[in-house]
C-alpha atoms as a PDB file:
ATOM      1  CA  UNK A   1       4.888 -52.845  -3.311  1.00  0.00           C
ATOM      2  CA  UNK A   2       7.745 -51.205  -4.984  1.00  0.00           C
ATOM      3  CA  UNK A   3       8.790 -49.827  -8.209  1.00  0.00           C
ATOM      4  CA  UNK A   4       4.849 -49.229  -9.505  1.00  0.00           C
ATOM      5  CA  UNK A   5       4.612 -47.459 -12.601  1.00  0.00           C
ATOM      6  CA  UNK A   6       1.223 -46.437 -13.963  1.00  0.00           C
ATOM      7  CA  UNK A   7       0.401 -45.515 -17.820  1.00  0.00           C
ATOM      8  CA  UNK A   8      -3.276 -44.239 -18.149  1.00  0.00           C
ATOM      9  CA  UNK A   9      -4.728 -43.934 -21.434  1.00  0.00           C
ATOM     10  CA  UNK A  10      -8.005 -42.356 -22.146  1.00  0.00           C
ATOM     11  CA  UNK A  11     -10.439 -44.477 -24.024  1.00  0.00           C
ATOM     12  CA  UNK A  12     -14.139 -44.126 -25.368  1.00  0.00           C
ATOM     13  CA  UNK A  13     -16.746 -45.135 -22.676  1.00  0.00           C
ATOM     14  CA  UNK A  14     -18.330 -47.455 -24.835  1.00  0.00           C
ATOM     15  CA  UNK A  15     -15.140 -49.792 -25.762  1.00  0.00           C
ATOM     16  CA  UNK A  16     -14.522 -50.390 -21.811  1.00  0.00           C
ATOM     17  CA  UNK A  17     -18.265 -50.976 -21.025  1.00  0.00           C
ATOM     18  CA  UNK A  18     -18.824 -53.522 -23.176  1.00  0.00           C
ATOM     19  CA  UNK A  19     -15.753 -55.710 -21.492  1.00  0.00           C
ATOM     20  CA  UNK A  20     -17.590 -55.382 -17.854  1.00  0.00           C
ATOM     21  CA  UNK A  21     -19.822 -57.385 -16.362  1.00  0.00           C
ATOM     22  CA  UNK A  22     -23.066 -56.408 -14.959  1.00  0.00           C
ATOM     23  CA  UNK A  23     -23.324 -54.742 -12.094  1.00  0.00           C
ATOM     24  CA  UNK A  24     -20.406 -52.196 -12.941  1.00  0.00           C
ATOM     25  CA  UNK A  25     -20.548 -49.409 -14.869  1.00  0.00           C
ATOM     26  CA  UNK A  26     -17.155 -47.244 -16.187  1.00  0.00           C
ATOM     27  CA  UNK A  27     -16.054 -44.314 -13.906  1.00  0.00           C
ATOM     28  CA  UNK A  28     -14.992 -41.576 -16.488  1.00  0.00           C
ATOM     29  CA  UNK A  29     -12.701 -38.659 -15.988  1.00  0.00           C
ATOM     30  CA  UNK A  30     -13.239 -35.695 -18.819  1.00  0.00           C
ATOM     31  CA  UNK A  31     -15.559 -37.550 -20.215  1.00  0.00           C
ATOM     32  CA  UNK A  32     -13.509 -40.808 -20.610  1.00  0.00           C
ATOM     33  CA  UNK A  33     -12.930 -44.196 -19.276  1.00  0.00           C
ATOM     34  CA  UNK A  34      -8.957 -44.744 -18.134  1.00  0.00           C
ATOM     35  CA  UNK A  35      -7.198 -47.634 -18.362  1.00  0.00           C
ATOM     36  CA  UNK A  36      -3.818 -48.264 -16.637  1.00  0.00           C
ATOM     37  CA  UNK A  37      -0.906 -50.665 -17.438  1.00  0.00           C
ATOM     38  CA  UNK A  38       0.921 -51.108 -13.797  1.00  0.00           C
ATOM     39  CA  UNK A  39       4.110 -53.241 -13.411  1.00  0.00           C
ATOM     40  CA  UNK A  40       5.427 -53.438 -10.067  1.00  0.00           C
ATOM     41  CA  UNK A  41       7.569 -55.647  -7.684  1.00  0.00           C
ATOM     42  CA  UNK A  42       5.369 -57.068  -4.792  1.00  0.00           C
ATOM     43  CA  UNK A  43       7.844 -57.783  -1.722  1.00  0.00           C
ATOM     44  CA  UNK A  44       7.274 -59.814   1.819  1.00  0.00           C
ATOM     45  CA  UNK A  45       3.873 -60.884   0.620  1.00  0.00           C
ATOM     46  CA  UNK A  46       2.375 -63.619   2.568  1.00  0.00           C
ATOM     47  CA  UNK A  47      -1.446 -64.487   3.592  1.00  0.00           C
ATOM     48  CA  UNK A  48      -2.508 -63.086   7.266  1.00  0.00           C
ATOM     49  CA  UNK A  49      -0.646 -65.128  10.170  1.00  0.00           C
ATOM     50  CA  UNK A  50       1.285 -66.883   7.743  1.00  0.00           C
ATOM     51  CA  UNK A  51       5.458 -67.047   7.894  1.00  0.00           C
ATOM     52  CA  UNK A  52       6.569 -65.812   4.636  1.00  0.00           C
ATOM     53  CA  UNK A  53       7.856 -68.674   2.234  1.00  0.00           C
ATOM     54  CA  UNK A  54      10.640 -68.847  -0.043  1.00  0.00           C
ATOM     55  CA  UNK A  55       9.613 -67.872  -3.510  1.00  0.00           C
ATOM     56  CA  UNK A  56       6.634 -67.073  -2.901  1.00  0.00           C
ATOM     57  CA  UNK A  57       7.133 -63.480  -1.245  1.00  0.00           C
ATOM     58  CA  UNK A  58       8.961 -61.218  -3.413  1.00  0.00           C
ATOM     59  CA  UNK A  59       7.789 -61.406  -7.327  1.00  0.00           C
ATOM     60  CA  UNK A  60       6.896 -59.229 -10.403  1.00  0.00           C
ATOM     61  CA  UNK A  61       3.662 -58.623 -10.895  1.00  0.00           C
ATOM     62  CA  UNK A  62       2.010 -56.406 -13.936  1.00  0.00           C
ATOM     63  CA  UNK A  63      -2.029 -55.634 -14.145  1.00  0.00           C
ATOM     64  CA  UNK A  64      -3.665 -54.091 -16.729  1.00  0.00           C
ATOM     65  CA  UNK A  65      -6.927 -52.796 -14.781  1.00  0.00           C
ATOM     66  CA  UNK A  66     -10.027 -49.863 -15.754  1.00  0.00           C
ATOM     67  CA  UNK A  67     -11.779 -47.755 -13.301  1.00  0.00           C
ATOM     68  CA  UNK A  68     -15.297 -48.575 -12.327  1.00  0.00           C
ATOM     69  CA  UNK A  69     -18.210 -47.540  -9.699  1.00  0.00           C
ATOM     70  CA  UNK A  70     -21.562 -49.313  -8.952  1.00  0.00           C
ATOM     71  CA  UNK A  71     -24.911 -48.167  -9.560  1.00  0.00           C
ATOM     72  CA  UNK A  72     -25.056 -46.615  -6.031  1.00  0.00           C
ATOM     73  CA  UNK A  73     -21.163 -44.648  -6.971  1.00  0.00           C
ATOM     74  CA  UNK A  74     -19.301 -46.481  -4.909  1.00  0.00           C
ATOM     75  CA  UNK A  75     -15.741 -46.558  -6.918  1.00  0.00           C
ATOM     76  CA  UNK A  76     -13.158 -49.114  -7.499  1.00  0.00           C
ATOM     77  CA  UNK A  77     -10.878 -50.924 -10.299  1.00  0.00           C
ATOM     78  CA  UNK A  78     -11.718 -53.774 -12.452  1.00  0.00           C
ATOM     79  CA  UNK A  79      -8.307 -56.155 -13.207  1.00  0.00           C
ATOM     80  CA  UNK A  80      -8.609 -56.979 -17.133  1.00  0.00           C
ATOM     81  CA  UNK A  81      -5.493 -59.047 -16.456  1.00  0.00           C
ATOM     82  CA  UNK A  82      -2.842 -59.915 -13.826  1.00  0.00           C
ATOM     83  CA  UNK A  83       0.142 -61.436 -14.584  1.00  0.00           C
ATOM     84  CA  UNK A  84       2.461 -62.741 -12.159  1.00  0.00           C
ATOM     85  CA  UNK A  85       5.728 -64.455 -11.706  1.00  0.00           C
ATOM     86  CA  UNK A  86       5.054 -66.832  -8.622  1.00  0.00           C
ATOM     87  CA  UNK A  87       2.919 -70.008  -9.632  1.00  0.00           C
ATOM     88  CA  UNK A  88       1.507 -69.604  -5.748  1.00  0.00           C
ATOM     89  CA  UNK A  89      -0.466 -66.710  -6.627  1.00  0.00           C
ATOM     90  CA  UNK A  90      -2.720 -68.427  -9.129  1.00  0.00           C
ATOM     91  CA  UNK A  91      -4.465 -69.922  -5.765  1.00  0.00           C
ATOM     92  CA  UNK A  92      -6.090 -66.434  -5.919  1.00  0.00           C
ATOM     93  CA  UNK A  93      -7.907 -66.739  -9.183  1.00  0.00           C
ATOM     94  CA  UNK A  94     -10.116 -69.265  -7.553  1.00  0.00           C
ATOM     95  CA  UNK A  95      -9.931 -67.528  -4.143  1.00  0.00           C
ATOM     96  CA  UNK A  96     -11.327 -64.275  -5.186  1.00  0.00           C
ATOM     97  CA  UNK A  97     -11.863 -64.706  -8.767  1.00  0.00           C
ATOM     98  CA  UNK A  98      -9.311 -62.370 -10.432  1.00  0.00           C
ATOM     99  CA  UNK A  99      -8.073 -63.118 -14.060  1.00  0.00           C
ATOM    100  CA  UNK A 100      -4.404 -64.492 -12.731  1.00  0.00           C
ATOM    101  CA  UNK A 101      -1.912 -65.379 -14.968  1.00  0.00           C
ATOM    102  CA  UNK A 102       1.680 -67.070 -14.791  1.00  0.00           C
ATOM    103  CA  UNK A 103       4.192 -65.338 -16.662  1.00  0.00           C
ATOM    104  CA  UNK A 104       7.946 -64.623 -16.580  1.00  0.00           C
ATOM    105  CA  UNK A 105       8.139 -60.858 -15.785  1.00  0.00           C
ATOM    106  CA  UNK A 106      11.029 -59.233 -14.453  1.00  0.00           C
ATOM    107  CA  UNK A 107      12.070 -55.450 -12.978  1.00  0.00           C
ATOM    108  CA  UNK A 108      15.401 -54.318 -13.038  1.00  0.00           C
ATOM    109  CA  UNK A 109      17.506 -50.880 -12.841  1.00  0.00           C
ATOM    110  CA  UNK A 110      19.902 -49.470 -15.663  1.00  0.00           C
ATOM    111  CA  UNK A 111      21.451 -46.510 -15.502  1.00  0.00           C
ATOM    112  CA  UNK A 112      18.741 -44.594 -13.760  1.00  0.00           C
ATOM    113  CA  UNK A 113      15.808 -46.662 -15.624  1.00  0.00           C
ATOM    114  CA  UNK A 114      13.625 -48.995 -14.347  1.00  0.00           C
ATOM    115  CA  UNK A 115      12.744 -52.060 -16.981  1.00  0.00           C
ATOM    116  CA  UNK A 116      10.052 -53.954 -16.492  1.00  0.00           C
ATOM    117  CA  UNK A 117       9.198 -56.796 -19.065  1.00  0.00           C
ATOM    118  CA  UNK A 118       6.913 -60.106 -19.121  1.00  0.00           C
ATOM    119  CA  UNK A 119       5.208 -62.464 -21.418  1.00  0.00           C
ATOM    120  CA  UNK A 120       2.456 -64.776 -20.354  1.00  0.00           C
ATOM    121  CA  UNK A 121       3.363 -68.381 -20.455  1.00  0.00           C
ATOM    122  CA  UNK A 122       1.006 -70.145 -23.187  1.00  0.00           C
ATOM    123  CA  UNK A 123       0.171 -67.008 -24.877  1.00  0.00           C
ATOM    124  CA  UNK A 124       1.007 -63.972 -27.130  1.00  0.00           C
ATOM    125  CA  UNK A 125       0.457 -60.398 -24.477  1.00  0.00           C
ATOM    126  CA  UNK A 126       3.735 -59.244 -23.634  1.00  0.00           C
ATOM    127  CA  UNK A 127       4.870 -55.835 -22.575  1.00  0.00           C
ATOM    128  CA  UNK A 128       8.890 -53.857 -22.411  1.00  0.00           C
ATOM    129  CA  UNK A 129       8.699 -50.751 -20.788  1.00  0.00           C
ATOM    130  CA  UNK A 130      11.414 -48.451 -20.154  1.00  0.00           C
ATOM    131  CA  UNK A 131      11.186 -45.594 -17.598  1.00  0.00           C
ATOM    132  CA  UNK A 132      13.113 -42.860 -16.349  1.00  0.00           C
ATOM    133  CA  UNK A 133      11.761 -41.851 -13.159  1.00  0.00           C
ATOM    134  CA  UNK A 134      11.416 -37.877 -12.913  1.00  0.00           C
ATOM    135  CA  UNK A 135      10.899 -35.259  -9.843  1.00  0.00           C
ATOM    136  CA  UNK A 136       8.182 -35.802  -7.478  1.00  0.00           C
ATOM    137  CA  UNK A 137       4.936 -34.686  -7.398  1.00  0.00           C
ATOM    138  CA  UNK A 138       4.607 -32.632  -4.696  1.00  0.00           C
ATOM    139  CA  UNK A 139       0.807 -31.633  -4.846  1.00  0.00           C
ATOM    140  CA  UNK A 140      -0.839 -34.187  -7.085  1.00  0.00           C
ATOM    141  CA  UNK A 141      -3.719 -33.319  -9.321  1.00  0.00           C
ATOM    142  CA  UNK A 142      -7.302 -34.191  -8.977  1.00  0.00           C
ATOM    143  CA  UNK A 143      -6.607 -36.792 -11.922  1.00  0.00           C
ATOM    144  CA  UNK A 144      -3.716 -38.058 -10.313  1.00  0.00           C
ATOM    145  CA  UNK A 145      -5.542 -38.789  -7.365  1.00  0.00           C
ATOM    146  CA  UNK A 146      -8.401 -39.901  -9.312  1.00  0.00           C
ATOM    147  CA  UNK A 147      -6.565 -42.461 -11.153  1.00  0.00           C
ATOM    148  CA  UNK A 148      -4.095 -43.661  -7.963  1.00  0.00           C
ATOM    149  CA  UNK A 149      -6.589 -43.296  -4.958  1.00  0.00           C
ATOM    150  CA  UNK A 150      -8.732 -46.625  -5.364  1.00  0.00           C
ATOM    151  CA  UNK A 151      -9.367 -48.567  -1.960  1.00  0.00           C
ATOM    152  CA  UNK A 152     -10.985 -51.499  -3.408  1.00  0.00           C
ATOM    153  CA  UNK A 153     -11.320 -53.773  -6.127  1.00  0.00           C
ATOM    154  CA  UNK A 154     -14.360 -55.755  -7.913  1.00  0.00           C
ATOM    155  CA  UNK A 155     -13.686 -59.086  -8.701  1.00  0.00           C
ATOM    156  CA  UNK A 156     -16.014 -62.129 -10.245  1.00  0.00           C
ATOM    157  CA  UNK A 157     -16.352 -65.511  -8.345  1.00  0.00           C
ATOM    158  CA  UNK A 158     -18.266 -68.151  -9.719  1.00  0.00           C
ATOM    159  CA  UNK A 159     -20.241 -66.067 -11.216  1.00  0.00           C
ATOM    160  CA  UNK A 160     -20.965 -63.590  -8.493  1.00  0.00           C
ATOM    161  CA  UNK A 161     -19.688 -59.902  -8.398  1.00  0.00           C
ATOM    162  CA  UNK A 162     -17.476 -59.605  -5.320  1.00  0.00           C
ATOM    163  CA  UNK A 163     -15.832 -56.485  -3.794  1.00  0.00           C
ATOM    164  CA  UNK A 164     -12.156 -56.839  -1.978  1.00  0.00           C
ATOM    165  CA  UNK A 165     -10.953 -53.702   0.156  1.00  0.00           C
ATOM    166  CA  UNK A 166      -7.311 -52.579  -0.092  1.00  0.00           C
ATOM    167  CA  UNK A 167      -5.081 -50.573   2.350  1.00  0.00           C
ATOM    168  CA  UNK A 168      -2.630 -48.570   1.832  1.00  0.00           C
ATOM    169  CA  UNK A 169      -1.014 -44.929   2.389  1.00  0.00           C
ATOM    170  CA  UNK A 170      -1.320 -42.985  -0.508  1.00  0.00           C
ATOM    171  CA  UNK A 171       1.197 -43.556  -3.729  1.00  0.00           C
ATOM    172  CA  UNK A 172       4.246 -40.923  -3.776  1.00  0.00           C
ATOM    173  CA  UNK A 173       3.990 -40.174  -7.040  1.00  0.00           C
ATOM    174  CA  UNK A 174       6.872 -38.827  -9.041  1.00  0.00           C
ATOM    175  CA  UNK A 175       6.543 -37.753 -13.041  1.00  0.00           C
ATOM    176  CA  UNK A 176       8.294 -40.561 -15.838  1.00  0.00           C
ATOM    177  CA  UNK A 177       9.660 -40.514 -19.211  1.00  0.00           C
ATOM    178  CA  UNK A 178       9.030 -43.850 -20.972  1.00  0.00           C
ATOM    179  CA  UNK A 179      12.288 -44.484 -23.129  1.00  0.00           C
ATOM    180  CA  UNK A 180      11.234 -47.184 -24.876  1.00  0.00           C
ATOM    181  CA  UNK A 181       7.738 -49.069 -24.506  1.00  0.00           C
ATOM    182  CA  UNK A 182       5.854 -52.011 -26.598  1.00  0.00           C
ATOM    183  CA  UNK A 183       2.562 -53.867 -25.399  1.00  0.00           C
ATOM    184  CA  UNK A 184       0.058 -56.265 -26.685  1.00  0.00           C
ATOM    185  CA  UNK A 185      -2.074 -56.488 -23.208  1.00  0.00           C
ATOM    186  CA  UNK A 186      -4.548 -53.876 -24.423  1.00  0.00           C
ATOM    187  CA  UNK A 187      -5.345 -55.768 -27.279  1.00  0.00           C
ATOM    188  CA  UNK A 188      -5.403 -59.070 -25.878  1.00  0.00           C
ATOM    189  CA  UNK A 189      -8.228 -58.088 -23.062  1.00  0.00           C
ATOM    190  CA  UNK A 190     -10.965 -56.682 -26.012  1.00  0.00           C
ATOM    191  CA  UNK A 191      -9.969 -53.247 -26.034  1.00  0.00           C
ATOM    192  CA  UNK A 192      -8.722 -51.335 -29.438  1.00  0.00           C
ATOM    193  CA  UNK A 193      -5.001 -50.971 -29.577  1.00  0.00           C
ATOM    194  CA  UNK A 194      -4.325 -47.051 -27.701  1.00  0.00           C
ATOM    195  CA  UNK A 195      -3.183 -44.494 -29.438  1.00  0.00           C
ATOM    196  CA  UNK A 196      -2.075 -41.258 -28.228  1.00  0.00           C
ATOM    197  CA  UNK A 197       0.458 -40.389 -25.203  1.00  0.00           C
ATOM    198  CA  UNK A 198      -0.173 -41.991 -22.131  1.00  0.00           C
ATOM    199  CA  UNK A 199      -0.435 -40.602 -18.999  1.00  0.00           C
ATOM    200  CA  UNK A 200       2.789 -41.486 -17.019  1.00  0.00           C
ATOM    201  CA  UNK A 201       3.167 -41.717 -13.249  1.00  0.00           C
ATOM    202  CA  UNK A 202       6.300 -43.544 -11.005  1.00  0.00           C
ATOM    203  CA  UNK A 203       6.760 -44.453  -7.465  1.00  0.00           C
ATOM    204  CA  UNK A 204       8.865 -45.374  -5.003  1.00  0.00           C
ATOM    205  CA  UNK A 205       6.406 -47.473  -3.690  1.00  0.00           C
ATOM    206  CA  UNK A 206       4.007 -48.186  -0.867  1.00  0.00           C
ATOM    207  CA  UNK A 207       4.652 -50.692   2.388  1.00  0.00           C
ATOM    208  CA  UNK A 208       2.010 -52.460   4.666  1.00  0.00           C
ATOM    209  CA  UNK A 209      -0.533 -53.284   2.037  1.00  0.00           C
ATOM    210  CA  UNK A 210      -3.776 -55.013   3.339  1.00  0.00           C
ATOM    211  CA  UNK A 211      -6.095 -57.144   0.829  1.00  0.00           C
ATOM    212  CA  UNK A 212      -9.250 -57.805   2.863  1.00  0.00           C
ATOM    213  CA  UNK A 213     -11.352 -60.962   2.366  1.00  0.00           C
ATOM    214  CA  UNK A 214     -13.882 -60.425  -0.887  1.00  0.00           C
ATOM    215  CA  UNK A 215     -17.277 -59.673   0.048  1.00  0.00           C
ATOM    216  CA  UNK A 216     -19.939 -60.961  -2.585  1.00  0.00           C
ATOM    217  CA  UNK A 217     -22.407 -58.201  -3.567  1.00  0.00           C
ATOM    218  CA  UNK A 218     -25.118 -61.386  -4.299  1.00  0.00           C
ATOM    219  CA  UNK A 219     -25.265 -60.131  -7.965  1.00  0.00           C
ATOM    220  CA  UNK A 220     -25.123 -62.714 -10.623  1.00  0.00           C
ATOM    221  CA  UNK A 221     -22.967 -61.793 -13.604  1.00  0.00           C
ATOM    222  CA  UNK A 222     -23.118 -64.332 -16.144  1.00  0.00           C
ATOM    223  CA  UNK A 223     -21.641 -62.459 -19.316  1.00  0.00           C
END
């Protein structure tokens, strides 16, 4: 993964809990839930043991996520939406139960800024973000690590909650300055429109990302 930007927004706990399935609880920091819009570029993507296919291996992706835990305290992330620029990735919508949507997405550079833009096909959710990367964060804070150091995702497949492990090196973080930003992703997920200044991280990316097979937790979540 490369050119990742994380915008974390503090949100009241109750607003997030109502969009989560049974079996997951809001994971809070400083008494608030957090929601992140994370656009990035996926590169050299392939299933294990399969050769890289043209048009599939490199594409933009953007996820809207929140931070959760199970009742036993095991933490992870819950995807509110996943926008992808590759139609081949839509197969993962059934395979892992993640809310993938095909969109017209782009990642580009201009005069020291990185520009992310995307619109979901057949729908209204969209975003436009211009970020100017800043200095490296040599000593990430506890909150930085809490937001970016998540090693499992929870999804819902055929009504059953699943846990999917994710392995990669820690994100190399840098500060970032937002020069332009508009989005309708948050409200389309059922959350209220964010207000206040977000927390911004930029990263040059990580390599050798491994996503494991979903493991059913055998807890039906029909909501």
